Amino acid sequence: MMIMLKVHNHPKGRIIALCDEDLIGKIFDNGIYHIDLVKHQEFYNGERAEIGTITELLAHDFSSVNAIGNEAVSFLISKGFVSKDNVKFIGDIPIVHIYKI
């Protein structure tokens, strides 16, 4: 499995989108959270990225990170960007949003 990476440069900062490749094109809803990776696949569907590439990118300035999927979220936890306590789930799919303030 691979992590898809897409960087969005915005006047208010850089947004990094990470998503497990096998989740692109699917819809998840648990009655509380809803993520439509069909409608919003352009936001997440970037390039397949190696862990080293993502690590290097996160070492630089970013304003937020949106991550969906076991591989993407586990990576962020392993690198200390987020705690397991901050992970939300839609069914068994973990999601994390990180904001620099």
PDB file of N, CA and C in Angstrom:
ATOM      1  N   MET A   1       0.854  -1.181   0.000  1.00  0.00           N
ATOM      2  CA  MET A   1       0.000   0.000   0.000  1.00  0.00           C
ATOM      3  C   MET A   1       0.893   1.236   0.000  1.00  0.00           C
ATOM      4  N   MET A   2       0.389   2.278  -0.580  1.00  0.00           N
ATOM      5  CA  MET A   2       1.126   3.539  -0.652  1.00  0.00           C
ATOM      6  C   MET A   2       0.271   4.673  -0.115  1.00  0.00           C
ATOM      7  N   ILE A   3       0.964   5.730   0.278  1.00  0.00           N
ATOM      8  CA  ILE A   3       0.289   6.950   0.718  1.00  0.00           C
ATOM      9  C   ILE A   3       0.293   7.936  -0.444  1.00  0.00           C
ATOM     10  N   MET A   4      -0.884   8.486  -0.723  1.00  0.00           N
ATOM     11  CA  MET A   4      -0.996   9.524  -1.735  1.00  0.00           C
ATOM     12  C   MET A   4      -0.744  10.869  -1.048  1.00  0.00           C
ATOM     13  N   LEU A   5       0.002  11.720  -1.706  1.00  0.00           N
ATOM     14  CA  LEU A   5       0.380  13.026  -1.167  1.00  0.00           C
ATOM     15  C   LEU A   5      -0.024  14.103  -2.154  1.00  0.00           C
ATOM     16  N   LYS A   6      -0.677  15.119  -1.638  1.00  0.00           N
ATOM     17  CA  LYS A   6      -0.973  16.292  -2.456  1.00  0.00           C
ATOM     18  C   LYS A   6      -0.736  17.527  -1.602  1.00  0.00           C
ATOM     19  N   VAL A   7      -0.003  18.465  -2.158  1.00  0.00           N
ATOM     20  CA  VAL A   7       0.297  19.717  -1.466  1.00  0.00           C
ATOM     21  C   VAL A   7      -0.512  20.829  -2.117  1.00  0.00           C
ATOM     22  N   HIS A   8      -1.215  21.577  -1.280  1.00  0.00           N
ATOM     23  CA  HIS A   8      -2.012  22.709  -1.740  1.00  0.00           C
ATOM     24  C   HIS A   8      -1.382  23.981  -1.180  1.00  0.00           C
ATOM     25  N   ASN A   9      -0.858  24.807  -2.060  1.00  0.00           N
ATOM     26  CA  ASN A   9      -0.285  26.079  -1.635  1.00  0.00           C
ATOM     27  C   ASN A   9      -1.384  27.129  -1.689  1.00  0.00           C
ATOM     28  N   HIS A  10      -1.624  27.725  -0.548  1.00  0.00           N
ATOM     29  CA  HIS A  10      -2.708  28.690  -0.383  1.00  0.00           C
ATOM     30  C   HIS A  10      -2.095  29.962   0.195  1.00  0.00           C
ATOM     31  N   PRO A  11      -2.665  31.131  -0.084  1.00  0.00           N
ATOM     32  CA  PRO A  11      -2.108  32.368   0.482  1.00  0.00           C
ATOM     33  C   PRO A  11      -1.980  32.341   2.004  1.00  0.00           C
ATOM     34  N   LYS A  12      -2.838  31.572   2.679  1.00  0.00           N
ATOM     35  CA  LYS A  12      -2.768  31.503   4.138  1.00  0.00           C
ATOM     36  C   LYS A  12      -1.901  30.363   4.641  1.00  0.00           C
ATOM     37  N   GLY A  13      -1.272  29.610   3.751  1.00  0.00           N
ATOM     38  CA  GLY A  13      -0.372  28.541   4.175  1.00  0.00           C
ATOM     39  C   GLY A  13      -0.471  27.300   3.310  1.00  0.00           C
ATOM     40  N   ARG A  14       0.425  26.381   3.579  1.00  0.00           N
ATOM     41  CA  ARG A  14       0.508  25.130   2.829  1.00  0.00           C
ATOM     42  C   ARG A  14      -0.340  24.054   3.518  1.00  0.00           C
ATOM     43  N   ILE A  15      -1.206  23.412   2.751  1.00  0.00           N
ATOM     44  CA  ILE A  15      -2.034  22.318   3.249  1.00  0.00           C
ATOM     45  C   ILE A  15      -1.498  21.026   2.656  1.00  0.00           C
ATOM     46  N   ILE A  16      -1.243  20.061   3.515  1.00  0.00           N
ATOM     47  CA  ILE A  16      -0.737  18.766   3.074  1.00  0.00           C
ATOM     48  C   ILE A  16      -1.846  17.736   3.242  1.00  0.00           C
ATOM     49  N   ALA A  17      -2.188  17.062   2.161  1.00  0.00           N
ATOM     50  CA  ALA A  17      -3.211  16.023   2.183  1.00  0.00           C
ATOM     51  C   ALA A  17      -2.547  14.668   2.006  1.00  0.00           C
ATOM     52  N   LEU A  18      -2.823  13.750   2.931  1.00  0.00           N
ATOM     53  CA  LEU A  18      -2.290  12.390   2.887  1.00  0.00           C
ATOM     54  C   LEU A  18      -3.464  11.415   2.917  1.00  0.00           C
ATOM     55  N   CYS A  19      -3.411  10.408   2.071  1.00  0.00           N
ATOM     56  CA  CYS A  19      -4.506   9.447   2.030  1.00  0.00           C
ATOM     57  C   CYS A  19      -3.965   8.096   1.566  1.00  0.00           C
ATOM     58  N   ASP A  20      -4.380   7.025   2.238  1.00  0.00           N
ATOM     59  CA  ASP A  20      -4.028   5.696   1.771  1.00  0.00           C
ATOM     60  C   ASP A  20      -4.578   5.524   0.357  1.00  0.00           C
ATOM     61  N   GLU A  21      -3.752   5.045  -0.532  1.00  0.00           N
ATOM     62  CA  GLU A  21      -4.115   4.947  -1.946  1.00  0.00           C
ATOM     63  C   GLU A  21      -5.405   4.165  -2.177  1.00  0.00           C
ATOM     64  N   ASP A  22      -5.620   3.098  -1.427  1.00  0.00           N
ATOM     65  CA  ASP A  22      -6.799   2.253  -1.663  1.00  0.00           C
ATOM     66  C   ASP A  22      -8.117   2.889  -1.217  1.00  0.00           C
ATOM     67  N   LEU A  23      -8.062   4.066  -0.582  1.00  0.00           N
ATOM     68  CA  LEU A  23      -9.285   4.745  -0.136  1.00  0.00           C
ATOM     69  C   LEU A  23      -9.802   5.760  -1.150  1.00  0.00           C
ATOM     70  N   ILE A  24      -8.953   6.171  -2.097  1.00  0.00           N
ATOM     71  CA  ILE A  24      -9.357   7.143  -3.107  1.00  0.00           C
ATOM     72  C   ILE A  24     -10.546   6.571  -3.889  1.00  0.00           C
ATOM     73  N   GLY A  25     -11.576   7.385  -4.054  1.00  0.00           N
ATOM     74  CA  GLY A  25     -12.747   6.964  -4.803  1.00  0.00           C
ATOM     75  C   GLY A  25     -13.823   6.283  -3.964  1.00  0.00           C
ATOM     76  N   LYS A  26     -13.692   6.360  -2.638  1.00  0.00           N
ATOM     77  CA  LYS A  26     -14.674   5.739  -1.752  1.00  0.00           C
ATOM     78  C   LYS A  26     -15.343   6.805  -0.882  1.00  0.00           C
ATOM     79  N   ILE A  27     -16.480   6.441  -0.301  1.00  0.00           N
ATOM     80  CA  ILE A  27     -17.227   7.334   0.583  1.00  0.00           C
ATOM     81  C   ILE A  27     -17.343   6.663   1.949  1.00  0.00           C
ATOM     82  N   PHE A  28     -17.114   7.455   3.008  1.00  0.00           N
ATOM     83  CA  PHE A  28     -17.191   6.944   4.374  1.00  0.00           C
ATOM     84  C   PHE A  28     -18.129   7.837   5.179  1.00  0.00           C
ATOM     85  N   ASP A  29     -19.017   7.212   5.950  1.00  0.00           N
ATOM     86  CA  ASP A  29     -19.978   7.959   6.748  1.00  0.00           C
ATOM     87  C   ASP A  29     -20.367   7.107   7.953  1.00  0.00           C
ATOM     88  N   ASN A  30     -20.299   7.713   9.137  1.00  0.00           N
ATOM     89  CA  ASN A  30     -20.726   6.988  10.344  1.00  0.00           C
ATOM     90  C   ASN A  30     -21.857   7.715  11.075  1.00  0.00           C
ATOM     91  N   GLY A  31     -22.485   8.668  10.416  1.00  0.00           N
ATOM     92  CA  GLY A  31     -23.552   9.433  11.043  1.00  0.00           C
ATOM     93  C   GLY A  31     -23.053  10.691  11.728  1.00  0.00           C
ATOM     94  N   ILE A  32     -21.774  10.742  12.051  1.00  0.00           N
ATOM     95  CA  ILE A  32     -21.153  11.923  12.659  1.00  0.00           C
ATOM     96  C   ILE A  32     -20.189  12.565  11.664  1.00  0.00           C
ATOM     97  N   TYR A  33     -19.296  11.740  11.121  1.00  0.00           N
ATOM     98  CA  TYR A  33     -18.314  12.209  10.146  1.00  0.00           C
ATOM     99  C   TYR A  33     -18.660  11.648   8.780  1.00  0.00           C
ATOM    100  N   HIS A  34     -18.403  12.446   7.762  1.00  0.00           N
ATOM    101  CA  HIS A  34     -18.653  12.038   6.379  1.00  0.00           C
ATOM    102  C   HIS A  34     -17.475  12.509   5.541  1.00  0.00           C
ATOM    103  N   ILE A  35     -16.863  11.597   4.829  1.00  0.00           N
ATOM    104  CA  ILE A  35     -15.793  11.966   3.911  1.00  0.00           C
ATOM    105  C   ILE A  35     -16.087  11.313   2.576  1.00  0.00           C
ATOM    106  N   ASP A  36     -16.183  12.134   1.551  1.00  0.00           N
ATOM    107  CA  ASP A  36     -16.482  11.688   0.203  1.00  0.00           C
ATOM    108  C   ASP A  36     -15.209  11.803  -0.632  1.00  0.00           C
ATOM    109  N   LEU A  37     -14.511  10.685  -0.791  1.00  0.00           N
ATOM    110  CA  LEU A  37     -13.268  10.680  -1.560  1.00  0.00           C
ATOM    111  C   LEU A  37     -13.524  10.397  -3.038  1.00  0.00           C
ATOM    112  N   VAL A  38     -14.797  10.476  -3.433  1.00  0.00           N
ATOM    113  CA  VAL A  38     -15.157  10.498  -4.846  1.00  0.00           C
ATOM    114  C   VAL A  38     -15.251  11.970  -5.246  1.00  0.00           C
ATOM    115  N   LYS A  39     -16.118  12.684  -4.541  1.00  0.00           N
ATOM    116  CA  LYS A  39     -16.336  14.103  -4.825  1.00  0.00           C
ATOM    117  C   LYS A  39     -15.083  14.941  -4.578  1.00  0.00           C
ATOM    118  N   HIS A  40     -14.340  14.594  -3.530  1.00  0.00           N
ATOM    119  CA  HIS A  40     -13.164  15.388  -3.147  1.00  0.00           C
ATOM    120  C   HIS A  40     -11.843  14.683  -3.431  1.00  0.00           C
ATOM    121  N   GLN A  41     -11.857  13.757  -4.395  1.00  0.00           N
ATOM    122  CA  GLN A  41     -10.620  13.038  -4.651  1.00  0.00           C
ATOM    123  C   GLN A  41      -9.508  13.939  -5.184  1.00  0.00           C
ATOM    124  N   GLU A  42      -9.864  15.039  -5.821  1.00  0.00           N
ATOM    125  CA  GLU A  42      -8.841  15.978  -6.297  1.00  0.00           C
ATOM    126  C   GLU A  42      -8.025  16.562  -5.141  1.00  0.00           C
ATOM    127  N   PHE A  43      -8.655  16.668  -3.976  1.00  0.00           N
ATOM    128  CA  PHE A  43      -7.946  17.210  -2.819  1.00  0.00           C
ATOM    129  C   PHE A  43      -6.883  16.231  -2.321  1.00  0.00           C
ATOM    130  N   TYR A  44      -7.180  14.944  -2.342  1.00  0.00           N
ATOM    131  CA  TYR A  44      -6.283  13.931  -1.791  1.00  0.00           C
ATOM    132  C   TYR A  44      -5.474  13.169  -2.825  1.00  0.00           C
ATOM    133  N   ASN A  45      -5.963  13.068  -4.040  1.00  0.00           N
ATOM    134  CA  ASN A  45      -5.326  12.216  -5.038  1.00  0.00           C
ATOM    135  C   ASN A  45      -4.197  12.950  -5.739  1.00  0.00           C
ATOM    136  N   GLY A  46      -3.022  12.860  -5.153  1.00  0.00           N
ATOM    137  CA  GLY A  46      -1.840  13.511  -5.709  1.00  0.00           C
ATOM    138  C   GLY A  46      -0.907  12.485  -6.304  1.00  0.00           C
ATOM    139  N   GLU A  47       0.261  12.363  -5.701  1.00  0.00           N
ATOM    140  CA  GLU A  47       1.270  11.412  -6.169  1.00  0.00           C
ATOM    141  C   GLU A  47       1.554  10.395  -5.081  1.00  0.00           C
ATOM    142  N   ARG A  48       1.926   9.202  -5.488  1.00  0.00           N
ATOM    143  CA  ARG A  48       2.391   8.202  -4.526  1.00  0.00           C
ATOM    144  C   ARG A  48       3.680   8.731  -3.918  1.00  0.00           C
ATOM    145  N   ALA A  49       3.755   8.660  -2.605  1.00  0.00           N
ATOM    146  CA  ALA A  49       4.911   9.258  -1.927  1.00  0.00           C
ATOM    147  C   ALA A  49       5.584   8.251  -1.001  1.00  0.00           C
ATOM    148  N   GLU A  50       6.884   8.282  -1.010  1.00  0.00           N
ATOM    149  CA  GLU A  50       7.676   7.483  -0.082  1.00  0.00           C
ATOM    150  C   GLU A  50       7.672   8.194   1.277  1.00  0.00           C
ATOM    151  N   ILE A  51       7.867   7.423   2.331  1.00  0.00           N
ATOM    152  CA  ILE A  51       7.887   7.968   3.693  1.00  0.00           C
ATOM    153  C   ILE A  51       8.932   9.074   3.828  1.00  0.00           C
ATOM    154  N   GLY A  52      10.091   8.902   3.215  1.00  0.00           N
ATOM    155  CA  GLY A  52      11.139   9.918   3.282  1.00  0.00           C
ATOM    156  C   GLY A  52      10.710  11.247   2.682  1.00  0.00           C
ATOM    157  N   THR A  53       9.978  11.192   1.591  1.00  0.00           N
ATOM    158  CA  THR A  53       9.487  12.406   0.937  1.00  0.00           C
ATOM    159  C   THR A  53       8.498  13.136   1.838  1.00  0.00           C
ATOM    160  N   ILE A  54       7.602  12.377   2.446  1.00  0.00           N
ATOM    161  CA  ILE A  54       6.610  12.985   3.343  1.00  0.00           C
ATOM    162  C   ILE A  54       7.298  13.567   4.565  1.00  0.00           C
ATOM    163  N   THR A  55       8.250  12.843   5.135  1.00  0.00           N
ATOM    164  CA  THR A  55       8.987  13.323   6.303  1.00  0.00           C
ATOM    165  C   THR A  55       9.694  14.638   5.994  1.00  0.00           C
ATOM    166  N   GLU A  56      10.336  14.710   4.839  1.00  0.00           N
ATOM    167  CA  GLU A  56      11.047  15.929   4.431  1.00  0.00           C
ATOM    168  C   GLU A  56      10.073  17.090   4.271  1.00  0.00           C
ATOM    169  N   LEU A  57       8.941  16.834   3.668  1.00  0.00           N
ATOM    170  CA  LEU A  57       7.938  17.881   3.466  1.00  0.00           C
ATOM    171  C   LEU A  57       7.403  18.398   4.802  1.00  0.00           C
ATOM    172  N   LEU A  58       7.143  17.508   5.741  1.00  0.00           N
ATOM    173  CA  LEU A  58       6.619  17.915   7.046  1.00  0.00           C
ATOM    174  C   LEU A  58       7.669  18.635   7.901  1.00  0.00           C
ATOM    175  N   ALA A  59       8.940  18.490   7.549  1.00  0.00           N
ATOM    176  CA  ALA A  59       9.999  19.189   8.276  1.00  0.00           C
ATOM    177  C   ALA A  59       9.994  20.683   7.943  1.00  0.00           C
ATOM    178  N   HIS A  60       9.331  21.044   6.847  1.00  0.00           N
ATOM    179  CA  HIS A  60       9.237  22.443   6.441  1.00  0.00           C
ATOM    180  C   HIS A  60       7.902  23.016   6.886  1.00  0.00           C
ATOM    181  N   ASP A  61       7.688  24.254   6.572  1.00  0.00           N
ATOM    182  CA  ASP A  61       6.500  24.947   7.047  1.00  0.00           C
ATOM    183  C   ASP A  61       5.227  24.435   6.376  1.00  0.00           C
ATOM    184  N   PHE A  62       4.199  24.217   7.172  1.00  0.00           N
ATOM    185  CA  PHE A  62       2.870  23.881   6.680  1.00  0.00           C
ATOM    186  C   PHE A  62       1.860  24.466   7.650  1.00  0.00           C
ATOM    187  N   SER A  63       0.648  24.733   7.173  1.00  0.00           N
ATOM    188  CA  SER A  63      -0.381  25.273   8.052  1.00  0.00           C
ATOM    189  C   SER A  63      -1.323  24.185   8.552  1.00  0.00           C
ATOM    190  N   SER A  64      -1.541  23.141   7.728  1.00  0.00           N
ATOM    191  CA  SER A  64      -2.385  22.043   8.180  1.00  0.00           C
ATOM    192  C   SER A  64      -2.065  20.758   7.421  1.00  0.00           C
ATOM    193  N   VAL A  65      -2.450  19.660   8.055  1.00  0.00           N
ATOM    194  CA  VAL A  65      -2.315  18.336   7.451  1.00  0.00           C
ATOM    195  C   VAL A  65      -3.662  17.636   7.617  1.00  0.00           C
ATOM    196  N   ASN A  66      -4.177  17.083   6.529  1.00  0.00           N
ATOM    197  CA  ASN A  66      -5.378  16.253   6.558  1.00  0.00           C
ATOM    198  C   ASN A  66      -4.932  14.858   6.160  1.00  0.00           C
ATOM    199  N   ALA A  67      -5.184  13.873   7.014  1.00  0.00           N
ATOM    200  CA  ALA A  67      -4.742  12.508   6.727  1.00  0.00           C
ATOM    201  C   ALA A  67      -5.885  11.528   6.937  1.00  0.00           C
ATOM    202  N   ILE A  68      -5.989  10.577   6.010  1.00  0.00           N
ATOM    203  CA  ILE A  68      -7.025   9.559   6.068  1.00  0.00           C
ATOM    204  C   ILE A  68      -6.396   8.203   5.771  1.00  0.00           C
ATOM    205  N   GLY A  69      -6.700   7.226   6.626  1.00  0.00           N
ATOM    206  CA  GLY A  69      -6.261   5.860   6.377  1.00  0.00           C
ATOM    207  C   GLY A  69      -5.248   5.359   7.384  1.00  0.00           C
ATOM    208  N   ASN A  70      -5.178   4.045   7.518  1.00  0.00           N
ATOM    209  CA  ASN A  70      -4.289   3.428   8.501  1.00  0.00           C
ATOM    210  C   ASN A  70      -2.828   3.783   8.286  1.00  0.00           C
ATOM    211  N   GLU A  71      -2.368   3.687   7.042  1.00  0.00           N
ATOM    212  CA  GLU A  71      -0.957   3.948   6.774  1.00  0.00           C
ATOM    213  C   GLU A  71      -0.598   5.410   6.988  1.00  0.00           C
ATOM    214  N   ALA A  72      -1.419   6.315   6.469  1.00  0.00           N
ATOM    215  CA  ALA A  72      -1.140   7.748   6.599  1.00  0.00           C
ATOM    216  C   ALA A  72      -1.169   8.192   8.059  1.00  0.00           C
ATOM    217  N   VAL A  73      -2.190   7.775   8.798  1.00  0.00           N
ATOM    218  CA  VAL A  73      -2.320   8.187  10.195  1.00  0.00           C
ATOM    219  C   VAL A  73      -1.260   7.522  11.065  1.00  0.00           C
ATOM    220  N   SER A  74      -0.972   6.255  10.831  1.00  0.00           N
ATOM    221  CA  SER A  74       0.080   5.565  11.603  1.00  0.00           C
ATOM    222  C   SER A  74       1.432   6.231  11.410  1.00  0.00           C
ATOM    223  N   PHE A  75       1.693   6.679  10.189  1.00  0.00           N
ATOM    224  CA  PHE A  75       2.940   7.398   9.915  1.00  0.00           C
ATOM    225  C   PHE A  75       3.027   8.666  10.763  1.00  0.00           C
ATOM    226  N   LEU A  76       1.949   9.467  10.787  1.00  0.00           N
ATOM    227  CA  LEU A  76       1.953  10.711  11.563  1.00  0.00           C
ATOM    228  C   LEU A  76       2.119  10.442  13.055  1.00  0.00           C
ATOM    229  N   ILE A  77       1.521   9.374  13.549  1.00  0.00           N
ATOM    230  CA  ILE A  77       1.681   9.003  14.960  1.00  0.00           C
ATOM    231  C   ILE A  77       3.127   8.592  15.225  1.00  0.00           C
ATOM    232  N   SER A  78       3.703   7.777  14.350  1.00  0.00           N
ATOM    233  CA  SER A  78       5.077   7.288  14.553  1.00  0.00           C
ATOM    234  C   SER A  78       6.111   8.408  14.542  1.00  0.00           C
ATOM    235  N   LYS A  79       5.831   9.479  13.810  1.00  0.00           N
ATOM    236  CA  LYS A  79       6.754  10.617  13.732  1.00  0.00           C
ATOM    237  C   LYS A  79       6.459  11.684  14.790  1.00  0.00           C
ATOM    238  N   GLY A  80       5.442  11.457  15.626  1.00  0.00           N
ATOM    239  CA  GLY A  80       5.142  12.377  16.712  1.00  0.00           C
ATOM    240  C   GLY A  80       4.356  13.612  16.314  1.00  0.00           C
ATOM    241  N   PHE A  81       3.753  13.614  15.141  1.00  0.00           N
ATOM    242  CA  PHE A  81       2.957  14.760  14.716  1.00  0.00           C
ATOM    243  C   PHE A  81       1.589  14.792  15.363  1.00  0.00           C
ATOM    244  N   VAL A  82       1.121  13.626  15.806  1.00  0.00           N
ATOM    245  CA  VAL A  82      -0.205  13.528  16.403  1.00  0.00           C
ATOM    246  C   VAL A  82      -0.207  12.365  17.393  1.00  0.00           C
ATOM    247  N   SER A  83      -1.064  12.471  18.396  1.00  0.00           N
ATOM    248  CA  SER A  83      -1.227  11.416  19.392  1.00  0.00           C
ATOM    249  C   SER A  83      -2.390  10.512  18.990  1.00  0.00           C
ATOM    250  N   LYS A  84      -2.327   9.257  19.405  1.00  0.00           N
ATOM    251  CA  LYS A  84      -3.434   8.329  19.151  1.00  0.00           C
ATOM    252  C   LYS A  84      -4.747   8.879  19.716  1.00  0.00           C
ATOM    253  N   ASP A  85      -4.658   9.661  20.782  1.00  0.00           N
ATOM    254  CA  ASP A  85      -5.851  10.237  21.408  1.00  0.00           C
ATOM    255  C   ASP A  85      -6.581  11.232  20.506  1.00  0.00           C
ATOM    256  N   ASN A  86      -5.894  11.760  19.489  1.00  0.00           N
ATOM    257  CA  ASN A  86      -6.483  12.755  18.601  1.00  0.00           C
ATOM    258  C   ASN A  86      -7.040  12.166  17.315  1.00  0.00           C
ATOM    259  N   VAL A  87      -6.983  10.856  17.186  1.00  0.00           N
ATOM    260  CA  VAL A  87      -7.470  10.198  15.978  1.00  0.00           C
ATOM    261  C   VAL A  87      -8.979   9.976  16.079  1.00  0.00           C
ATOM    262  N   LYS A  88      -9.684  10.343  15.039  1.00  0.00           N
ATOM    263  CA  LYS A  88     -11.118  10.077  14.914  1.00  0.00           C
ATOM    264  C   LYS A  88     -11.287   8.920  13.935  1.00  0.00           C
ATOM    265  N   PHE A  89     -12.438   8.266  13.995  1.00  0.00           N
ATOM    266  CA  PHE A  89     -12.684   7.137  13.106  1.00  0.00           C
ATOM    267  C   PHE A  89     -14.026   7.259  12.425  1.00  0.00           C
ATOM    268  N   ILE A  90     -14.056   6.855  11.181  1.00  0.00           N
ATOM    269  CA  ILE A  90     -15.296   6.637  10.449  1.00  0.00           C
ATOM    270  C   ILE A  90     -15.302   5.137  10.190  1.00  0.00           C
ATOM    271  N   GLY A  91     -16.072   4.416  11.003  1.00  0.00           N
ATOM    272  CA  GLY A  91     -15.970   2.962  10.980  1.00  0.00           C
ATOM    273  C   GLY A  91     -14.584   2.577  11.465  1.00  0.00           C
ATOM    274  N   ASP A  92     -13.835   1.876  10.646  1.00  0.00           N
ATOM    275  CA  ASP A  92     -12.468   1.503  11.026  1.00  0.00           C
ATOM    276  C   ASP A  92     -11.411   2.337  10.298  1.00  0.00           C
ATOM    277  N   ILE A  93     -11.839   3.414   9.648  1.00  0.00           N
ATOM    278  CA  ILE A  93     -10.919   4.286   8.906  1.00  0.00           C
ATOM    279  C   ILE A  93     -10.507   5.462   9.793  1.00  0.00           C
ATOM    280  N   PRO A  94      -9.213   5.551  10.151  1.00  0.00           N
ATOM    281  CA  PRO A  94      -8.760   6.673  10.971  1.00  0.00           C
ATOM    282  C   PRO A  94      -8.598   7.952  10.148  1.00  0.00           C
ATOM    283  N   ILE A  95      -8.923   9.087  10.785  1.00  0.00           N
ATOM    284  CA  ILE A  95      -8.736  10.395  10.170  1.00  0.00           C
ATOM    285  C   ILE A  95      -8.096  11.339  11.182  1.00  0.00           C
ATOM    286  N   VAL A  96      -7.270  12.221  10.688  1.00  0.00           N
ATOM    287  CA  VAL A  96      -6.600  13.201  11.552  1.00  0.00           C
ATOM    288  C   VAL A  96      -6.503  14.528  10.802  1.00  0.00           C
ATOM    289  N   HIS A  97      -6.746  15.605  11.532  1.00  0.00           N
ATOM    290  CA  HIS A  97      -6.489  16.948  11.016  1.00  0.00           C
ATOM    291  C   HIS A  97      -5.538  17.621  11.988  1.00  0.00           C
ATOM    292  N   ILE A  98      -4.455  18.151  11.475  1.00  0.00           N
ATOM    293  CA  ILE A  98      -3.457  18.856  12.279  1.00  0.00           C
ATOM    294  C   ILE A  98      -3.422  20.306  11.806  1.00  0.00           C
ATOM    295  N   TYR A  99      -3.508  21.218  12.756  1.00  0.00           N
ATOM    296  CA  TYR A  99      -3.452  22.637  12.417  1.00  0.00           C
ATOM    297  C   TYR A  99      -2.337  23.314  13.214  1.00  0.00           C
ATOM    298  N   LYS A 100      -1.512  24.079  12.536  1.00  0.00           N
ATOM    299  CA  LYS A 100      -0.513  24.902  13.220  1.00  0.00           C
ATOM    300  C   LYS A 100      -1.142  26.256  13.472  1.00  0.00           C
ATOM    301  N   ILE A 101      -1.076  26.666  14.725  1.00  0.00           N
ATOM    302  CA  ILE A 101      -1.668  27.962  15.080  1.00  0.00           C
ATOM    303  C   ILE A 101      -0.560  28.906  15.486  1.00  0.00           C
TER     304      ILE A 101
END
